[in-house]
């Protein structure tokens, strides 16, 4: 029985999301990377040499947070920042060979983690779940544009 949308949906979604992030971070310790840093690397492995502003939107992080993450990834030699040819005030973010190698190593590793997390969830239920998430995301996007 549904108590309230907040208790049944909001709080539980937050709890499960935190558990997933915590579990991912615990599994990524051996690679010296966090789940948030992984998202940045994965995006760059698929679309390299992009502006920090575009990357910020892609990973849904504000500029100061992304800047700190990029500082860390740069110290680990996983990315490089190059001054943009069009605008010297902005940077183009490039993934390094070391970053690409780590990404290629982590893709199957993380896929396996999610197979374990989703154990017992049917393809049909997973499809419904993803459809619901897409609808919720669209609703939030529409509310933010009002």
N, C-alpha and C. Protein backbone atom coordinates (compact mmCIF):
# COMPACT_ATOMS: atom_id res chain seq x y z
N UNK A 1 0.84 -1.18 0.00
CA UNK A 1 0.00 0.00 0.00
C UNK A 1 0.88 1.25 0.00
N UNK A 2 0.51 2.21 -0.77
CA UNK A 2 1.28 3.43 -0.93
C UNK A 2 0.99 4.39 0.22
N UNK A 3 2.04 4.66 1.04
CA UNK A 3 1.90 5.64 2.14
C UNK A 3 1.88 7.05 1.57
N UNK A 4 2.95 7.38 0.89
CA UNK A 4 3.07 8.68 0.24
C UNK A 4 4.10 8.56 -0.87
N UNK A 5 3.97 9.43 -1.86
CA UNK A 5 4.94 9.40 -2.95
C UNK A 5 6.35 9.66 -2.41
N UNK A 6 6.45 10.59 -1.45
CA UNK A 6 7.77 10.92 -0.90
C UNK A 6 8.40 9.72 -0.22
N UNK A 7 7.65 9.08 0.68
CA UNK A 7 8.21 7.95 1.42
C UNK A 7 8.46 6.74 0.53
N UNK A 8 7.49 6.41 -0.31
CA UNK A 8 7.62 5.21 -1.13
C UNK A 8 8.48 5.41 -2.37
N UNK A 9 8.45 6.57 -2.94
CA UNK A 9 9.20 6.80 -4.17
C UNK A 9 10.45 7.62 -3.91
N UNK A 10 10.29 8.81 -3.38
CA UNK A 10 11.43 9.72 -3.20
C UNK A 10 12.52 9.18 -2.31
N UNK A 11 12.17 8.83 -1.10
CA UNK A 11 13.17 8.35 -0.14
C UNK A 11 13.78 7.03 -0.57
N UNK A 12 12.96 6.13 -1.08
CA UNK A 12 13.48 4.82 -1.47
C UNK A 12 14.40 4.92 -2.69
N UNK A 13 14.04 5.79 -3.63
CA UNK A 13 14.90 6.01 -4.79
C UNK A 13 16.26 6.54 -4.35
N UNK A 14 16.24 7.50 -3.44
CA UNK A 14 17.48 8.07 -2.92
C UNK A 14 18.31 7.00 -2.20
N UNK A 15 17.66 6.19 -1.39
CA UNK A 15 18.35 5.13 -0.65
C UNK A 15 19.02 4.14 -1.60
N UNK A 16 18.28 3.67 -2.59
CA UNK A 16 18.82 2.68 -3.53
C UNK A 16 19.95 3.29 -4.35
N UNK A 17 19.78 4.53 -4.79
CA UNK A 17 20.83 5.20 -5.55
C UNK A 17 22.11 5.30 -4.72
N UNK A 18 21.99 5.68 -3.47
CA UNK A 18 23.18 5.78 -2.60
C UNK A 18 23.84 4.42 -2.41
N UNK A 19 23.02 3.38 -2.27
CA UNK A 19 23.59 2.03 -2.12
C UNK A 19 24.36 1.61 -3.37
N UNK A 20 23.80 1.92 -4.53
CA UNK A 20 24.48 1.57 -5.78
C UNK A 20 25.80 2.31 -5.88
N UNK A 21 25.79 3.61 -5.62
CA UNK A 21 27.02 4.41 -5.69
C UNK A 21 28.04 3.91 -4.68
N UNK A 22 27.60 3.63 -3.46
CA UNK A 22 28.50 3.14 -2.42
C UNK A 22 29.13 1.80 -2.85
N UNK A 23 28.29 0.91 -3.38
CA UNK A 23 28.80 -0.39 -3.81
C UNK A 23 29.79 -0.23 -4.97
N UNK A 24 29.43 0.59 -5.95
CA UNK A 24 30.34 0.83 -7.08
C UNK A 24 31.67 1.39 -6.58
N UNK A 25 31.61 2.38 -5.70
CA UNK A 25 32.85 2.96 -5.17
C UNK A 25 33.69 1.92 -4.45
N UNK A 26 33.05 1.04 -3.71
CA UNK A 26 33.80 0.00 -3.00
C UNK A 26 34.48 -0.97 -3.98
N UNK A 27 33.84 -1.21 -5.12
CA UNK A 27 34.40 -2.12 -6.12
C UNK A 27 35.47 -1.45 -6.99
N UNK A 28 35.44 -0.12 -7.05
CA UNK A 28 36.38 0.61 -7.89
C UNK A 28 37.64 1.06 -7.14
N UNK A 29 37.68 0.83 -5.85
CA UNK A 29 38.85 1.24 -5.05
C UNK A 29 40.14 0.69 -5.64
N UNK A 30 40.12 -0.57 -6.04
CA UNK A 30 41.35 -1.18 -6.57
C UNK A 30 41.84 -0.51 -7.85
N UNK A 31 40.97 0.24 -8.52
CA UNK A 31 41.35 0.95 -9.74
C UNK A 31 41.66 2.43 -9.48
N UNK A 32 41.56 2.83 -8.21
CA UNK A 32 41.83 4.20 -7.79
C UNK A 32 40.96 5.20 -8.55
N UNK A 33 39.67 4.90 -8.60
CA UNK A 33 38.72 5.76 -9.29
C UNK A 33 37.37 5.66 -8.58
N UNK A 34 36.58 6.73 -8.65
CA UNK A 34 35.25 6.72 -8.05
C UNK A 34 34.20 6.56 -9.15
N UNK A 35 32.97 6.30 -8.75
CA UNK A 35 31.88 6.15 -9.71
C UNK A 35 31.69 7.45 -10.51
N UNK A 36 31.79 8.60 -9.85
CA UNK A 36 31.65 9.88 -10.56
C UNK A 36 32.78 10.08 -11.56
N UNK A 37 34.01 9.76 -11.15
CA UNK A 37 35.14 9.88 -12.07
C UNK A 37 34.98 8.92 -13.25
N UNK A 38 34.43 7.75 -12.98
CA UNK A 38 34.18 6.76 -14.03
C UNK A 38 33.23 7.32 -15.07
N UNK A 39 32.17 8.00 -14.63
CA UNK A 39 31.21 8.57 -15.57
C UNK A 39 31.88 9.57 -16.50
N UNK A 40 32.77 10.39 -15.96
CA UNK A 40 33.50 11.37 -16.77
C UNK A 40 34.38 10.64 -17.80
N UNK A 41 35.13 9.65 -17.34
CA UNK A 41 36.00 8.90 -18.26
C UNK A 41 35.20 8.19 -19.35
N UNK A 42 34.09 7.59 -18.95
CA UNK A 42 33.27 6.88 -19.93
C UNK A 42 32.75 7.84 -21.01
N UNK A 43 32.26 9.01 -20.59
CA UNK A 43 31.77 10.00 -21.56
C UNK A 43 32.90 10.45 -22.49
N UNK A 44 34.08 10.69 -21.92
CA UNK A 44 35.21 11.12 -22.75
C UNK A 44 35.69 10.02 -23.69
N UNK A 45 35.55 8.77 -23.27
CA UNK A 45 35.97 7.67 -24.15
C UNK A 45 35.04 7.56 -25.36
N UNK A 46 33.83 8.07 -25.20
CA UNK A 46 32.85 8.01 -26.30
C UNK A 46 32.80 9.29 -27.12
N UNK A 47 33.17 10.40 -26.48
CA UNK A 47 33.19 11.69 -27.18
C UNK A 47 34.34 12.51 -26.61
N UNK A 48 35.50 12.34 -27.19
CA UNK A 48 36.72 12.98 -26.71
C UNK A 48 36.82 14.41 -27.23
N UNK A 49 37.69 15.17 -26.59
CA UNK A 49 38.01 16.53 -27.01
C UNK A 49 36.77 17.42 -27.02
N UNK A 50 36.13 17.50 -25.86
CA UNK A 50 34.95 18.35 -25.74
C UNK A 50 35.21 19.40 -24.67
N UNK A 51 34.41 20.43 -24.70
CA UNK A 51 34.58 21.52 -23.73
C UNK A 51 34.11 21.06 -22.35
N UNK A 52 34.66 21.72 -21.35
CA UNK A 52 34.27 21.41 -19.98
C UNK A 52 32.79 21.70 -19.77
N UNK A 53 32.29 22.73 -20.41
CA UNK A 53 30.87 23.10 -20.28
C UNK A 53 29.97 21.99 -20.81
N UNK A 54 30.30 21.46 -21.97
CA UNK A 54 29.51 20.36 -22.55
C UNK A 54 29.62 19.11 -21.68
N UNK A 55 30.83 18.81 -21.23
CA UNK A 55 31.03 17.65 -20.37
C UNK A 55 30.24 17.78 -19.07
N UNK A 56 30.20 18.98 -18.54
CA UNK A 56 29.44 19.25 -17.32
C UNK A 56 27.97 18.87 -17.48
N UNK A 57 27.40 19.22 -18.62
CA UNK A 57 26.00 18.88 -18.91
C UNK A 57 25.83 17.37 -19.10
N UNK A 58 26.81 16.75 -19.76
CA UNK A 58 26.72 15.32 -20.05
C UNK A 58 26.74 14.47 -18.78
N UNK A 59 27.52 14.90 -17.78
CA UNK A 59 27.63 14.11 -16.54
C UNK A 59 26.79 14.71 -15.41
N UNK A 60 26.05 15.76 -15.73
CA UNK A 60 25.13 16.40 -14.78
C UNK A 60 25.85 16.85 -13.50
N UNK A 61 26.99 17.53 -13.70
CA UNK A 61 27.76 18.08 -12.58
C UNK A 61 27.94 19.57 -12.81
N UNK A 62 27.88 20.35 -11.72
CA UNK A 62 28.12 21.78 -11.88
C UNK A 62 29.60 22.01 -12.18
N UNK A 63 29.91 23.18 -12.69
CA UNK A 63 31.28 23.48 -13.13
C UNK A 63 32.33 23.32 -12.02
N UNK A 64 32.10 23.87 -10.81
CA UNK A 64 33.13 23.71 -9.77
C UNK A 64 33.39 22.24 -9.39
N UNK A 65 32.32 21.44 -9.31
CA UNK A 65 32.48 20.02 -8.97
C UNK A 65 33.24 19.30 -10.07
N UNK A 66 32.87 19.56 -11.32
CA UNK A 66 33.56 18.92 -12.44
C UNK A 66 35.02 19.36 -12.49
N UNK A 67 35.30 20.62 -12.21
CA UNK A 67 36.68 21.11 -12.21
C UNK A 67 37.53 20.33 -11.21
N UNK A 68 36.99 20.09 -10.01
CA UNK A 68 37.73 19.31 -9.00
C UNK A 68 37.96 17.88 -9.48
N UNK A 69 36.94 17.28 -10.09
CA UNK A 69 37.10 15.92 -10.62
C UNK A 69 38.15 15.88 -11.73
N UNK A 70 38.12 16.87 -12.61
CA UNK A 70 39.10 16.92 -13.70
C UNK A 70 40.51 17.12 -13.16
N UNK A 71 40.65 17.92 -12.10
CA UNK A 71 41.97 18.09 -11.47
C UNK A 71 42.51 16.74 -11.02
N UNK A 72 41.66 15.94 -10.38
CA UNK A 72 42.06 14.62 -9.88
C UNK A 72 42.41 13.70 -11.05
N UNK A 73 41.55 13.66 -12.07
CA UNK A 73 41.80 12.80 -13.23
C UNK A 73 43.07 13.22 -13.97
N UNK A 74 43.34 14.51 -13.99
CA UNK A 74 44.56 14.99 -14.64
C UNK A 74 45.80 14.58 -13.84
N UNK A 75 45.72 14.68 -12.51
CA UNK A 75 46.86 14.23 -11.68
C UNK A 75 47.12 12.75 -11.86
N UNK A 76 46.08 11.97 -12.14
CA UNK A 76 46.23 10.53 -12.37
C UNK A 76 46.64 10.23 -13.81
N UNK A 77 46.81 11.27 -14.62
CA UNK A 77 47.21 11.16 -16.04
C UNK A 77 46.16 10.42 -16.88
N UNK A 78 44.88 10.53 -16.49
CA UNK A 78 43.80 9.89 -17.24
C UNK A 78 43.17 10.84 -18.26
N UNK A 79 43.34 12.14 -18.02
CA UNK A 79 42.84 13.15 -18.96
C UNK A 79 43.88 14.26 -19.08
N UNK A 80 43.70 15.08 -20.10
CA UNK A 80 44.49 16.29 -20.28
C UNK A 80 43.54 17.41 -20.64
N UNK A 81 43.91 18.63 -20.23
CA UNK A 81 43.15 19.82 -20.61
C UNK A 81 44.00 20.63 -21.57
N UNK A 82 43.39 21.01 -22.67
CA UNK A 82 44.07 21.83 -23.66
C UNK A 82 43.26 23.11 -23.86
N UNK A 83 43.96 24.22 -23.97
CA UNK A 83 43.29 25.49 -24.22
C UNK A 83 42.58 25.42 -25.56
N UNK A 84 41.34 25.87 -25.58
CA UNK A 84 40.55 25.85 -26.80
C UNK A 84 41.13 26.83 -27.82
N UNK A 85 41.15 26.41 -29.06
CA UNK A 85 41.66 27.27 -30.13
C UNK A 85 40.71 28.44 -30.39
N UNK A 86 39.41 28.19 -30.16
CA UNK A 86 38.39 29.22 -30.42
C UNK A 86 38.30 30.23 -29.27
N UNK A 87 38.49 29.76 -28.04
CA UNK A 87 38.32 30.63 -26.87
C UNK A 87 39.37 30.25 -25.83
N UNK A 88 40.37 31.11 -25.66
CA UNK A 88 41.48 30.79 -24.76
C UNK A 88 41.05 30.70 -23.30
N UNK A 89 39.83 31.14 -22.99
CA UNK A 89 39.35 31.04 -21.61
C UNK A 89 38.78 29.66 -21.30
N UNK A 90 38.49 28.88 -22.33
CA UNK A 90 37.91 27.55 -22.10
C UNK A 90 38.90 26.46 -22.48
N UNK A 91 38.60 25.27 -21.98
CA UNK A 91 39.48 24.13 -22.20
C UNK A 91 38.75 23.03 -22.94
N UNK A 92 39.51 22.30 -23.72
CA UNK A 92 39.03 21.09 -24.36
C UNK A 92 39.59 19.93 -23.53
N UNK A 93 38.72 19.01 -23.16
CA UNK A 93 39.12 17.89 -22.31
C UNK A 93 39.40 16.69 -23.20
N UNK A 94 40.59 16.10 -23.01
CA UNK A 94 41.03 14.96 -23.81
C UNK A 94 41.31 13.78 -22.88
N UNK A 95 40.87 12.61 -23.28
CA UNK A 95 41.21 11.39 -22.53
C UNK A 95 42.59 10.92 -23.03
N UNK A 96 43.42 10.47 -22.11
CA UNK A 96 44.76 9.98 -22.47
C UNK A 96 44.71 8.50 -22.83
N UNK A 97 45.81 8.00 -23.33
CA UNK A 97 45.89 6.56 -23.62
C UNK A 97 45.68 5.77 -22.33
N UNK A 98 46.28 6.24 -21.24
CA UNK A 98 46.09 5.58 -19.94
C UNK A 98 44.61 5.58 -19.55
N UNK A 99 43.92 6.70 -19.80
CA UNK A 99 42.49 6.79 -19.50
C UNK A 99 41.67 5.85 -20.37
N UNK A 100 42.02 5.77 -21.66
CA UNK A 100 41.33 4.85 -22.57
C UNK A 100 41.56 3.39 -22.16
N UNK A 101 42.80 3.08 -21.81
CA UNK A 101 43.12 1.71 -21.38
C UNK A 101 42.31 1.34 -20.14
N UNK A 102 42.23 2.25 -19.18
CA UNK A 102 41.46 1.98 -17.97
C UNK A 102 39.98 1.82 -18.31
N UNK A 103 39.48 2.66 -19.19
CA UNK A 103 38.07 2.57 -19.59
C UNK A 103 37.77 1.21 -20.21
N UNK A 104 38.64 0.76 -21.12
CA UNK A 104 38.42 -0.53 -21.77
C UNK A 104 38.47 -1.68 -20.77
N UNK A 105 39.27 -1.53 -19.76
CA UNK A 105 39.36 -2.55 -18.71
C UNK A 105 38.12 -2.53 -17.82
N UNK A 106 37.59 -1.32 -17.55
CA UNK A 106 36.47 -1.18 -16.61
C UNK A 106 35.10 -1.47 -17.22
N UNK A 107 34.94 -1.28 -18.51
CA UNK A 107 33.61 -1.50 -19.11
C UNK A 107 33.08 -2.90 -18.80
N UNK A 108 33.81 -3.98 -19.10
CA UNK A 108 33.26 -5.31 -18.77
C UNK A 108 33.18 -5.55 -17.26
N UNK A 109 34.09 -4.98 -16.51
CA UNK A 109 34.10 -5.15 -15.05
C UNK A 109 32.81 -4.54 -14.46
N UNK A 110 32.47 -3.34 -14.89
CA UNK A 110 31.28 -2.66 -14.36
C UNK A 110 30.00 -3.32 -14.89
N UNK A 111 30.03 -3.78 -16.13
CA UNK A 111 28.88 -4.52 -16.66
C UNK A 111 28.59 -5.74 -15.78
N UNK A 112 29.62 -6.42 -15.35
CA UNK A 112 29.46 -7.58 -14.48
C UNK A 112 28.88 -7.18 -13.12
N UNK A 113 29.32 -6.04 -12.60
CA UNK A 113 28.77 -5.54 -11.34
C UNK A 113 27.26 -5.32 -11.48
N UNK A 114 26.86 -4.68 -12.57
CA UNK A 114 25.44 -4.41 -12.75
C UNK A 114 24.64 -5.68 -13.01
N UNK A 115 25.24 -6.68 -13.62
CA UNK A 115 24.55 -7.97 -13.77
C UNK A 115 24.23 -8.55 -12.40
N UNK A 116 25.17 -8.41 -11.47
CA UNK A 116 24.94 -8.89 -10.10
C UNK A 116 23.87 -8.06 -9.41
N UNK A 117 23.93 -6.73 -9.57
CA UNK A 117 22.94 -5.85 -8.95
C UNK A 117 21.54 -6.15 -9.48
N UNK A 118 21.44 -6.46 -10.76
CA UNK A 118 20.14 -6.69 -11.40
C UNK A 118 19.73 -8.17 -11.40
N UNK A 119 20.46 -9.00 -10.67
CA UNK A 119 20.15 -10.42 -10.59
C UNK A 119 18.69 -10.63 -10.18
N UNK A 120 17.97 -11.44 -10.94
CA UNK A 120 16.59 -11.75 -10.62
C UNK A 120 15.58 -10.77 -11.20
N UNK A 121 16.05 -9.70 -11.81
CA UNK A 121 15.15 -8.73 -12.45
C UNK A 121 14.99 -9.16 -13.90
N UNK A 122 13.75 -9.44 -14.29
CA UNK A 122 13.51 -9.89 -15.66
C UNK A 122 13.75 -8.77 -16.66
N UNK A 123 14.01 -9.14 -17.90
CA UNK A 123 14.18 -8.16 -18.98
C UNK A 123 12.94 -7.29 -19.09
N UNK A 124 11.77 -7.91 -18.94
CA UNK A 124 10.51 -7.16 -19.03
C UNK A 124 10.44 -6.10 -17.92
N UNK A 125 10.73 -6.49 -16.68
CA UNK A 125 10.67 -5.54 -15.58
C UNK A 125 11.74 -4.46 -15.72
N UNK A 126 12.91 -4.84 -16.20
CA UNK A 126 13.97 -3.86 -16.41
C UNK A 126 13.55 -2.85 -17.48
N UNK A 127 12.93 -3.32 -18.53
CA UNK A 127 12.44 -2.43 -19.59
C UNK A 127 11.39 -1.46 -19.04
N UNK A 128 10.47 -1.98 -18.23
CA UNK A 128 9.45 -1.12 -17.61
C UNK A 128 10.11 -0.09 -16.71
N UNK A 129 11.07 -0.53 -15.90
CA UNK A 129 11.79 0.35 -14.99
C UNK A 129 12.47 1.49 -15.76
N UNK A 130 13.15 1.15 -16.86
CA UNK A 130 13.82 2.17 -17.66
C UNK A 130 12.82 3.13 -18.29
N UNK A 131 11.68 2.60 -18.76
CA UNK A 131 10.63 3.46 -19.32
C UNK A 131 10.12 4.44 -18.27
N UNK A 132 9.93 3.96 -17.05
CA UNK A 132 9.47 4.82 -15.95
C UNK A 132 10.51 5.90 -15.65
N UNK A 133 11.78 5.51 -15.60
CA UNK A 133 12.84 6.49 -15.33
C UNK A 133 12.89 7.57 -16.41
N UNK A 134 12.74 7.16 -17.66
CA UNK A 134 12.74 8.12 -18.76
C UNK A 134 11.57 9.09 -18.61
N UNK A 135 10.40 8.58 -18.26
CA UNK A 135 9.23 9.44 -18.09
C UNK A 135 9.43 10.43 -16.93
N UNK A 136 9.98 9.93 -15.82
CA UNK A 136 10.24 10.80 -14.67
C UNK A 136 11.25 11.88 -15.05
N UNK A 137 12.31 11.48 -15.77
CA UNK A 137 13.32 12.44 -16.22
C UNK A 137 12.70 13.51 -17.11
N UNK A 138 11.85 13.11 -18.03
CA UNK A 138 11.18 14.07 -18.91
C UNK A 138 10.28 15.00 -18.11
N UNK A 139 9.56 14.44 -17.13
CA UNK A 139 8.69 15.28 -16.30
C UNK A 139 9.50 16.33 -15.55
N UNK A 140 10.63 15.93 -14.98
CA UNK A 140 11.47 16.87 -14.24
C UNK A 140 12.03 17.94 -15.19
N UNK A 141 12.48 17.52 -16.36
CA UNK A 141 12.99 18.47 -17.35
C UNK A 141 11.91 19.47 -17.73
N UNK A 142 10.70 19.00 -17.94
CA UNK A 142 9.60 19.90 -18.29
C UNK A 142 9.25 20.85 -17.15
N UNK A 143 9.31 20.36 -15.91
CA UNK A 143 9.03 21.23 -14.76
C UNK A 143 10.09 22.33 -14.63
N UNK A 144 11.34 21.99 -14.95
CA UNK A 144 12.43 22.96 -14.85
C UNK A 144 12.37 24.02 -15.94
N UNK A 145 11.65 23.76 -17.01
CA UNK A 145 11.57 24.73 -18.11
C UNK A 145 10.35 25.64 -17.98
N UNK A 146 9.54 25.42 -16.97
CA UNK A 146 8.34 26.26 -16.78
C UNK A 146 8.69 27.61 -16.22
